Protein backbone atom coordinates (compact mmCIF):
# COMPACT_ATOMS: atom_id res chain seq x y z
CA UNK A 1 0.02 -0.02 0.00
CA UNK A 2 1.13 3.51 -0.71
CA UNK A 3 0.22 6.87 0.86
CA UNK A 4 0.45 9.85 -1.51
CA UNK A 5 2.03 7.46 -4.02
CA UNK A 6 4.91 6.66 -1.63
CA UNK A 7 5.83 3.74 0.58
CA UNK A 8 4.98 4.26 4.25
CA UNK A 9 8.64 3.80 5.28
CA UNK A 10 9.66 6.69 3.00
CA UNK A 11 7.02 8.93 4.60
CA UNK A 12 8.16 8.04 8.11
CA UNK A 13 11.81 8.72 7.14
CA UNK A 14 10.84 12.08 5.74
CA UNK A 15 8.95 12.97 8.96
CA UNK A 16 11.95 11.98 11.02
CA UNK A 17 14.24 14.16 8.91
CA UNK A 18 11.85 17.13 9.09
CA UNK A 19 11.72 16.78 12.89
CA UNK A 20 15.52 16.81 13.03
CA UNK A 21 15.82 19.84 10.75
CA UNK A 22 13.17 21.75 12.69
CA UNK A 23 14.90 20.91 15.98
CA UNK A 24 18.26 21.97 14.61
CA UNK A 25 17.16 25.30 13.16
CA UNK A 26 13.87 26.44 14.66
CA UNK A 27 12.60 24.82 17.84
CA UNK A 28 14.52 23.21 20.72
CA UNK A 29 13.41 19.56 20.69
CA UNK A 30 15.48 17.04 22.66
CA UNK A 31 16.16 13.48 21.52
CA UNK A 32 13.38 12.00 23.69
CA UNK A 33 10.80 14.38 22.31
CA UNK A 34 12.01 13.56 18.76
CA UNK A 35 11.41 9.90 19.55
CA UNK A 36 7.86 10.70 20.75
CA UNK A 37 7.12 12.65 17.60
CA UNK A 38 8.40 9.84 15.45
CA UNK A 39 6.32 7.31 17.46
CA UNK A 40 3.18 9.40 16.81
CA UNK A 41 4.05 9.62 13.13
CA UNK A 42 4.44 5.84 12.98
CA UNK A 43 1.06 5.33 14.76
CA UNK A 44 -0.56 7.79 12.26
CA UNK A 45 0.87 5.96 9.28
CA UNK A 46 -0.33 2.67 10.75
CA UNK A 47 -3.79 4.10 11.29
CA UNK A 48 -3.90 5.46 7.71
CA UNK A 49 -2.83 2.04 6.33
CA UNK A 50 -5.50 0.28 8.50
CA UNK A 51 -8.13 2.62 7.18
CA UNK A 52 -7.01 2.09 3.62
CA UNK A 53 -7.07 -1.71 4.12
CA UNK A 54 -10.37 -1.61 6.08
CA UNK A 55 -8.70 -3.82 8.64
CA UNK A 56 -8.57 -3.35 12.41
CA UNK A 57 -9.26 0.34 12.20
CA UNK A 58 -10.36 0.49 15.87
CA UNK A 59 -7.07 -0.87 17.14
CA UNK A 60 -5.10 1.49 14.93
CA UNK A 61 -7.10 4.49 16.16
CA UNK A 62 -6.57 3.51 19.77
CA UNK A 63 -2.85 3.07 19.15
CA UNK A 64 -2.69 6.48 17.59
CA UNK A 65 -4.58 8.11 20.50
CA UNK A 66 -2.29 6.36 22.98
CA UNK A 67 0.77 7.64 21.06
CA UNK A 68 -0.62 11.20 21.06
CA UNK A 69 -1.23 11.08 24.80
CA UNK A 70 2.32 9.81 25.35
CA UNK A 71 3.60 12.64 23.16
CA UNK A 72 1.61 15.18 25.09
CA UNK A 73 2.98 13.86 28.41
CA UNK A 74 6.48 13.93 26.93
CA UNK A 75 6.02 17.58 26.10
CA UNK A 76 4.84 18.44 29.59
CA UNK A 77 1.17 17.57 29.90
CA UNK A 78 0.71 17.00 33.64
CA UNK A 79 -1.68 14.07 33.62
CA UNK A 80 -1.39 11.34 36.21
CA UNK A 81 -1.59 7.69 35.14
CA UNK A 82 -5.21 7.70 36.36
CA UNK A 83 -6.18 10.60 34.15
CA UNK A 84 -4.43 8.98 31.20
CA UNK A 85 -6.34 5.70 31.84
CA UNK A 86 -9.68 7.52 32.07
CA UNK A 87 -8.94 9.36 28.79
CA UNK A 88 -7.99 6.10 27.07
CA UNK A 89 -11.16 4.48 28.39
CA UNK A 90 -13.17 7.30 26.83
CA UNK A 91 -11.29 6.85 23.55
CA UNK A 92 -11.98 3.08 23.65
CA UNK A 93 -15.68 3.69 24.30
CA UNK A 94 -15.93 6.09 21.32
CA UNK A 95 -14.15 3.59 19.03
CA UNK A 96 -16.41 0.80 20.34
CA UNK A 97 -19.50 2.88 19.55
CA UNK A 98 -18.26 3.35 16.00
CA UNK A 99 -17.18 -0.29 15.58
CA UNK A 100 -20.53 -1.58 16.72
CA UNK A 101 -22.31 0.07 13.80
CA UNK A 102 -19.73 -1.12 11.31
CA UNK A 103 -19.52 -4.83 12.16
CA UNK A 104 -21.91 -7.29 10.57
CA UNK A 105 -22.42 -10.91 11.42
CA UNK A 106 -21.35 -13.45 8.78
CA UNK A 107 -24.76 -15.15 9.06
CA UNK A 108 -28.23 -13.68 9.63
CA UNK A 109 -29.54 -13.82 13.17
CA UNK A 110 -32.36 -16.17 12.05
CA UNK A 111 -29.76 -18.81 11.08
CA UNK A 112 -28.25 -18.97 14.59
CA UNK A 113 -29.64 -21.76 16.83
CA UNK A 114 -30.73 -20.31 20.13
CA UNK A 115 -30.72 -22.58 23.23
CA UNK A 116 -34.08 -23.15 24.78
CA UNK A 117 -34.31 -21.47 28.17
CA UNK A 118 -35.41 -23.78 31.04
CA UNK A 119 -37.14 -20.81 32.63
CA UNK A 120 -39.40 -19.99 29.68
């Protein structure tokens, strides 16, 4: 798969180089922050590829959100682990609400045998 007609690895390499150039000439970005930025870029490319392939989009979106939260914390966002967990729970709930409307069963509900309830 290609993004903008290019291989994903080329795009990630370009982003890494841009981050290094910006940190060298414009904005002070340390090595750890550069790593966080590149991790978010990798998660974004993974999410784009998952969307293009229509495969495991929910997991890719959650991975991207997790990478963005880690980046924000790396740049000084003062969230405790509890706050991060609550935010990720919200993100998971939103993704689950979307996934629920997109998933279809491979067989119709009428074809599934239902056990007879002893209470009924």
